[in-house]
Protein backbone atom coordinates (compact mmCIF):
# COMPACT_ATOMS: atom_id res chain seq x y z
CA MET A 1 15.90 -0.26 16.61
CA ALA A 2 16.27 -1.50 20.02
CA HIS A 3 17.98 -4.83 20.64
CA SER A 4 15.32 -5.81 23.17
CA LEU A 5 12.60 -5.76 20.54
CA ASN A 6 10.25 -8.81 20.92
CA ILE A 7 7.14 -8.91 18.74
CA VAL A 8 4.09 -10.97 19.06
CA ALA A 9 1.82 -11.65 16.08
CA VAL A 10 -1.23 -13.68 15.46
CA ARG A 11 -2.18 -15.41 12.14
CA ASN A 12 -5.96 -16.19 12.67
CA THR A 13 -9.11 -15.59 14.52
CA PRO A 14 -10.21 -18.63 16.75
CA GLU A 15 -13.05 -20.44 15.02
CA ASN A 16 -15.19 -21.35 18.03
CA GLU A 17 -15.02 -18.09 20.01
CA ASN A 18 -17.88 -15.60 19.93
CA ASN A 19 -15.81 -12.52 21.00
CA PRO A 20 -12.18 -13.04 19.87
CA ALA A 21 -11.52 -9.36 20.14
CA VAL A 22 -12.44 -9.47 23.81
CA ILE A 23 -10.27 -12.29 24.50
CA LEU A 24 -7.39 -10.85 22.57
CA GLY A 25 -7.73 -7.51 24.43
CA GLU A 26 -7.66 -9.22 27.79
CA ILE A 27 -4.61 -11.10 27.00
CA ILE A 28 -2.63 -8.07 25.56
CA GLY A 29 -4.02 -5.53 27.87
CA THR A 30 -6.07 -3.29 25.44
CA THR A 31 -9.68 -2.59 24.53
CA ALA A 32 -11.78 -4.89 22.44
CA TYR A 33 -12.12 -2.23 19.88
CA GLU A 34 -8.34 -1.90 19.56
CA ALA A 35 -8.00 -5.72 19.47
CA GLY A 36 -10.73 -6.10 16.87
CA SER A 37 -8.93 -3.60 14.52
CA ARG A 38 -5.86 -5.86 14.60
CA LEU A 39 -7.99 -9.06 13.93
CA ARG A 40 -9.67 -7.78 10.81
CA ALA A 41 -6.65 -8.62 8.82
CA ALA A 42 -5.64 -11.84 10.68
CA GLY A 43 -5.96 -14.93 8.49
CA ARG A 44 -4.77 -13.23 5.45
CA PHE A 45 -1.32 -12.55 6.96
CA PRO A 46 0.16 -12.28 10.49
CA VAL A 47 -0.61 -9.03 12.28
CA ILE A 48 1.41 -7.68 15.18
CA VAL A 49 -0.58 -7.34 18.46
CA ALA A 50 2.13 -6.64 21.10
CA VAL A 51 5.60 -5.58 21.50
CA TYR A 52 7.86 -6.24 24.59
CA ALA A 53 11.28 -5.38 25.82
CA GLU A 54 11.72 -8.72 27.63
CA PRO A 55 11.75 -12.00 25.66
CA ALA A 56 9.95 -13.79 28.58
CA SER A 57 7.06 -11.53 28.42
CA ALA A 58 6.60 -12.01 24.63
CA ASP A 59 6.77 -15.84 25.20
CA GLU A 60 4.29 -15.73 28.01
CA THR A 61 1.62 -13.69 26.04
CA ALA A 62 2.23 -16.02 22.95
CA ALA A 63 1.55 -19.09 25.19
CA LYS A 64 -1.77 -17.41 26.45
CA LEU A 65 -2.74 -16.66 22.89
CA ARG A 66 -2.20 -20.25 21.78
CA SER A 67 -4.23 -21.53 24.75
CA ALA A 68 -6.95 -19.30 23.60
CA GLY A 69 -6.97 -20.76 20.02
CA PHE A 70 -4.74 -18.07 18.38
CA ARG A 71 -1.81 -19.01 16.13
CA ALA A 72 0.81 -16.86 17.70
CA VAL A 73 4.36 -16.14 16.38
CA VAL A 74 7.14 -14.53 18.31
CA LEU A 75 9.64 -12.41 16.41
CA SER A 76 12.76 -11.46 18.43
CA HIS A 77 15.32 -8.92 17.38
CA ASP A 78 17.72 -11.67 16.24
CA ASP A 79 14.95 -13.00 13.98
CA ILE A 80 14.76 -9.68 12.06
CA GLU A 81 16.55 -9.82 8.69
CA SER A 82 18.99 -7.19 7.37
CA ASP A 83 21.07 -6.97 4.33
CA THR A 84 24.09 -8.33 6.17
CA ARG A 85 22.35 -11.64 6.29
CA ARG A 86 21.06 -11.55 2.74
CA PHE A 87 22.60 -12.54 -0.55
CA ILE A 88 21.70 -9.68 -2.75
CA VAL A 89 21.55 -10.85 -6.44
CA ARG A 90 23.02 -8.95 -9.39
CA ASN A 91 23.03 -11.64 -12.17
CA PHE A 92 20.78 -14.71 -12.35
CA PHE A 93 20.60 -17.83 -14.67
CA PHE A 94 17.81 -20.29 -14.91
CA ASP A 95 19.69 -23.58 -15.45
CA ASP A 96 17.84 -26.82 -15.78
CA MET A 97 17.99 -27.99 -12.14
CA GLN A 98 19.22 -24.86 -10.36
CA LEU A 99 18.99 -21.19 -10.10
CA ARG A 100 22.41 -19.79 -10.45
CA VAL A 101 22.83 -16.38 -8.75
CA GLU A 102 25.85 -13.79 -8.56
CA SER A 103 26.35 -10.96 -6.32
CA ARG A 104 27.68 -7.48 -7.35
CA GLU A 105 31.07 -8.68 -5.82
CA GLY A 106 31.07 -11.81 -7.98
CA GLU A 107 30.07 -14.44 -5.50
CA THR A 108 28.03 -17.34 -6.71
CA ILE A 109 25.33 -19.52 -5.13
CA LEU A 110 23.58 -22.44 -6.69
CA LEU A 111 20.06 -23.08 -5.51
CA ASP A 112 18.32 -26.40 -6.23
CA TYR A 113 14.71 -25.48 -7.25
CA GLY A 114 13.50 -28.30 -5.13
CA LEU A 115 15.21 -26.87 -1.99
CA ILE A 116 13.43 -23.42 -2.17
CA GLU A 117 10.93 -23.42 0.44
CA ILE A 118 9.50 -19.95 0.31
CA ILE A 119 9.12 -17.41 -2.49
CA LEU A 120 8.02 -14.14 -0.78
CA ARG A 121 7.22 -11.29 -3.26
CA GLY A 122 6.70 -7.79 -2.08
CA THR A 123 7.50 -3.99 -2.67
CA TYR A 124 9.86 -1.80 -0.92
CA ILE A 125 8.24 1.60 -0.21
CA GLU A 126 10.58 4.57 0.32
CA GLN A 127 8.90 7.87 1.24
CA VAL A 128 10.74 10.97 -0.22
CA THR A 129 10.24 14.34 1.12
CA GLU A 130 11.48 17.31 -0.86
CA THR A 131 11.42 21.03 0.27
CA THR A 132 11.66 23.81 -2.14
CA ILE A 133 11.96 27.50 -1.34
CA GLU A 134 10.39 30.18 -3.54
CA LYS A 135 11.54 33.69 -3.06
CA GLY A 136 10.38 36.93 -4.65
CA LYS A 137 8.78 40.30 -4.22
CA LYS A 138 5.21 41.26 -4.27
CA LEU A 139 3.22 44.45 -4.34
CA SER A 140 2.39 45.76 -0.84
CA LEU A 141 -0.10 48.71 -0.54
CA GLY A 142 0.54 48.95 3.17
CA LEU A 143 4.29 49.27 2.74
CA ALA A 144 3.58 51.86 -0.02
CA VAL A 145 1.45 53.98 2.28
CA ILE A 146 3.92 53.88 5.10
CA SER A 147 6.86 54.80 2.92
CA GLY A 148 4.89 57.54 1.10
CA GLY A 149 5.19 55.65 -2.21
CA LEU A 150 8.90 55.09 -2.00
CA VAL A 151 8.82 51.41 -1.43
CA MET A 152 6.11 49.44 -3.35
CA ARG A 153 7.07 45.79 -2.85
CA LYS A 154 8.27 43.55 -0.13
CA SER A 155 10.18 40.39 -0.24
CA PHE A 156 8.47 37.06 0.50
CA GLU A 157 9.56 33.50 0.95
CA LYS A 158 7.34 30.38 0.64
CA HIS A 159 8.27 26.84 1.56
CA HIS A 160 6.78 23.97 -0.55
CA VAL A 161 6.97 20.44 0.81
CA ASP A 162 6.41 17.65 -1.80
CA THR A 163 6.14 13.97 -0.67
CA SER A 164 6.50 11.11 -3.07
CA GLU A 165 7.05 7.34 -2.94
CA ASN A 166 9.68 5.26 -4.58
CA ARG A 167 8.68 1.71 -5.10
CA GLU A 168 10.82 -1.38 -5.91
CA GLY A 169 9.69 -4.94 -6.32
CA PHE A 170 11.58 -7.69 -4.42
CA LEU A 171 11.69 -11.53 -4.25
CA ASN A 172 13.13 -13.20 -1.21
CA LEU A 173 13.94 -16.81 -1.53
CA TYR A 174 14.36 -19.06 1.43
CA ASP A 175 15.86 -22.48 1.00
CA SER A 176 16.24 -25.54 3.20
CA MET A 177 19.78 -24.40 4.25
CA ARG A 178 18.32 -21.16 5.72
CA ARG A 179 19.91 -18.93 3.09
CA ILE A 180 18.05 -15.70 2.15
CA ILE A 181 18.53 -14.82 -1.53
CA VAL A 182 17.06 -11.46 -2.61
CA LEU A 183 16.26 -10.44 -6.07
CA ARG A 184 15.40 -6.68 -6.39
CA GLU A 185 13.78 -5.22 -9.40
CA ASN A 186 16.23 -2.28 -10.02
CA ALA A 187 19.28 -4.09 -9.00
CA LEU A 188 19.13 -7.04 -11.47
CA VAL A 189 20.80 -7.46 -14.79
CA TYR A 190 18.20 -9.03 -16.91
CA SER A 191 20.33 -10.00 -20.00
CA SER A 192 20.41 -13.66 -19.12
CA LEU A 193 16.78 -13.92 -20.22
CA GLY A 194 17.98 -13.62 -23.79
CA SER A 195 14.90 -13.91 -26.23
CA ARG A 196 12.67 -13.87 -23.31
CA LEU A 197 13.69 -10.29 -22.27
CA GLN A 198 10.79 -7.93 -21.87
CA PRO A 199 10.69 -4.23 -22.77
CA THR A 200 10.49 -2.98 -19.09
CA ARG A 201 12.06 -3.90 -15.73
CA THR A 202 8.54 -4.35 -14.32
CA ALA A 203 7.74 -6.92 -17.00
CA ASN A 204 11.06 -8.75 -16.60
CA PHE A 205 10.62 -9.02 -12.89
CA ALA A 206 7.06 -10.34 -13.36
CA PHE A 207 8.33 -13.00 -15.80
CA ILE A 208 11.12 -13.93 -13.14
CA THR A 209 8.31 -14.35 -10.59
CA ALA A 210 6.34 -16.51 -12.91
CA GLU A 211 9.26 -18.59 -13.89
CA LEU A 212 10.32 -19.24 -10.12
CA LYS A 213 6.78 -20.34 -9.30
CA ARG A 214 6.73 -22.77 -12.28
CA ARG A 215 10.18 -24.20 -11.47
CA CYS A 216 9.55 -24.47 -7.66
CA PRO A 217 5.97 -25.90 -7.48
CA TYR A 218 6.45 -27.08 -3.91
CA ALA A 219 7.53 -23.78 -2.53
CA SER A 220 5.18 -21.64 -0.48
CA TYR A 221 4.35 -18.46 -2.55
CA ASP A 222 3.23 -15.32 -0.72
CA GLU A 223 2.66 -11.86 -2.11
CA SER A 224 1.05 -10.11 0.86
CA LEU A 225 3.72 -7.65 0.93
CA LEU A 226 3.06 -6.15 -2.46
CA ASN A 227 1.19 -2.96 -1.29
CA ARG A 228 1.46 -0.44 1.51
CA LEU A 229 -2.16 -1.30 2.92
CA ALA A 230 -1.13 -4.80 3.65
CA GLN A 231 2.22 -3.89 5.05
CA SER A 232 0.51 -1.38 7.40
CA GLN A 233 -2.03 -3.95 8.40
CA ILE A 234 0.84 -6.44 9.31
CA LEU A 235 2.90 -3.78 11.20
CA GLY A 236 0.16 -2.07 13.08
CA PRO A 237 0.44 1.41 14.55
CA LEU A 238 3.89 1.03 16.08
CA PHE A 239 5.80 0.64 12.81
CA ASN A 240 6.06 2.16 9.38
CA PRO A 241 6.29 0.39 6.10
CA ALA A 242 8.83 2.87 4.84
CA GLU A 243 11.14 2.33 7.80
CA ASP A 244 10.30 -1.02 9.11
CA ALA A 245 9.87 -3.37 5.95
CA ASP A 246 12.44 -5.70 7.40
CA ILE A 247 10.17 -6.53 10.32
CA ALA A 248 7.13 -7.19 8.04
CA ILE A 249 9.32 -9.43 5.67
CA SER A 250 10.85 -11.26 8.60
CA LEU A 251 7.47 -11.83 10.33
CA THR A 252 5.86 -12.97 7.12
CA ALA A 253 8.69 -15.48 6.42
CA LYS A 254 8.72 -17.02 9.99
CA SER A 255 4.99 -17.24 9.74
CA LEU A 256 5.27 -19.18 6.44
CA ARG A 257 7.98 -21.49 7.89
CA ARG A 258 5.76 -22.29 10.75
CA LYS A 259 2.94 -23.30 8.45
CA GLN A 260 5.07 -25.84 6.54
């Protein structure tokens, strides 16, 4: 990913404009049709409309969009999260006033429920491609004729490409101290749930989500990243949910912070 990546997204369609797609197209330098395709999802979540190498260009476009009635968000390279900035949870404990989390390395963080500002739920989608080669011999009448019946079969080799998706649920918690706490469905140890333990990881993760929502009633809860379609709509044609999930996560989180 280039260090000069500066992304501009919009979160709405202006209410008092008859042709918002035309206005957007003129500002970002594209056709009304292309601009309209990006605006269809605006309002439900932020959608990327432009990408620039220079921060000043992104800021200038965002300013024009805001003047036209769009709620614009600029996401710079430094805004994009990575696991180096996240606290990845292994063990968790629902204490009375705090969520206690531990990493695989044994580090511990205490999170006051009242200080958790955003609960962002989504799904990591990894595309896996597997190629298998089938080898064998098959009857060849042409070869039999040419060889006078001495050779009846010829070797063959077929390549089969199978594509599948691996999915994993995640919960990103953002608190007032700007910490990013990440719970991933397949990385958690669920034994702390005790009698509330569910029969599957998916059910346990759903329980954790519901419990966090209950204990953090003032936190903004967002689940727009749960499926590939929504992730694709947010990212647009320039990015891929399987490779650029961090962009979608960072953009959604920044957009939610701006709404608070």
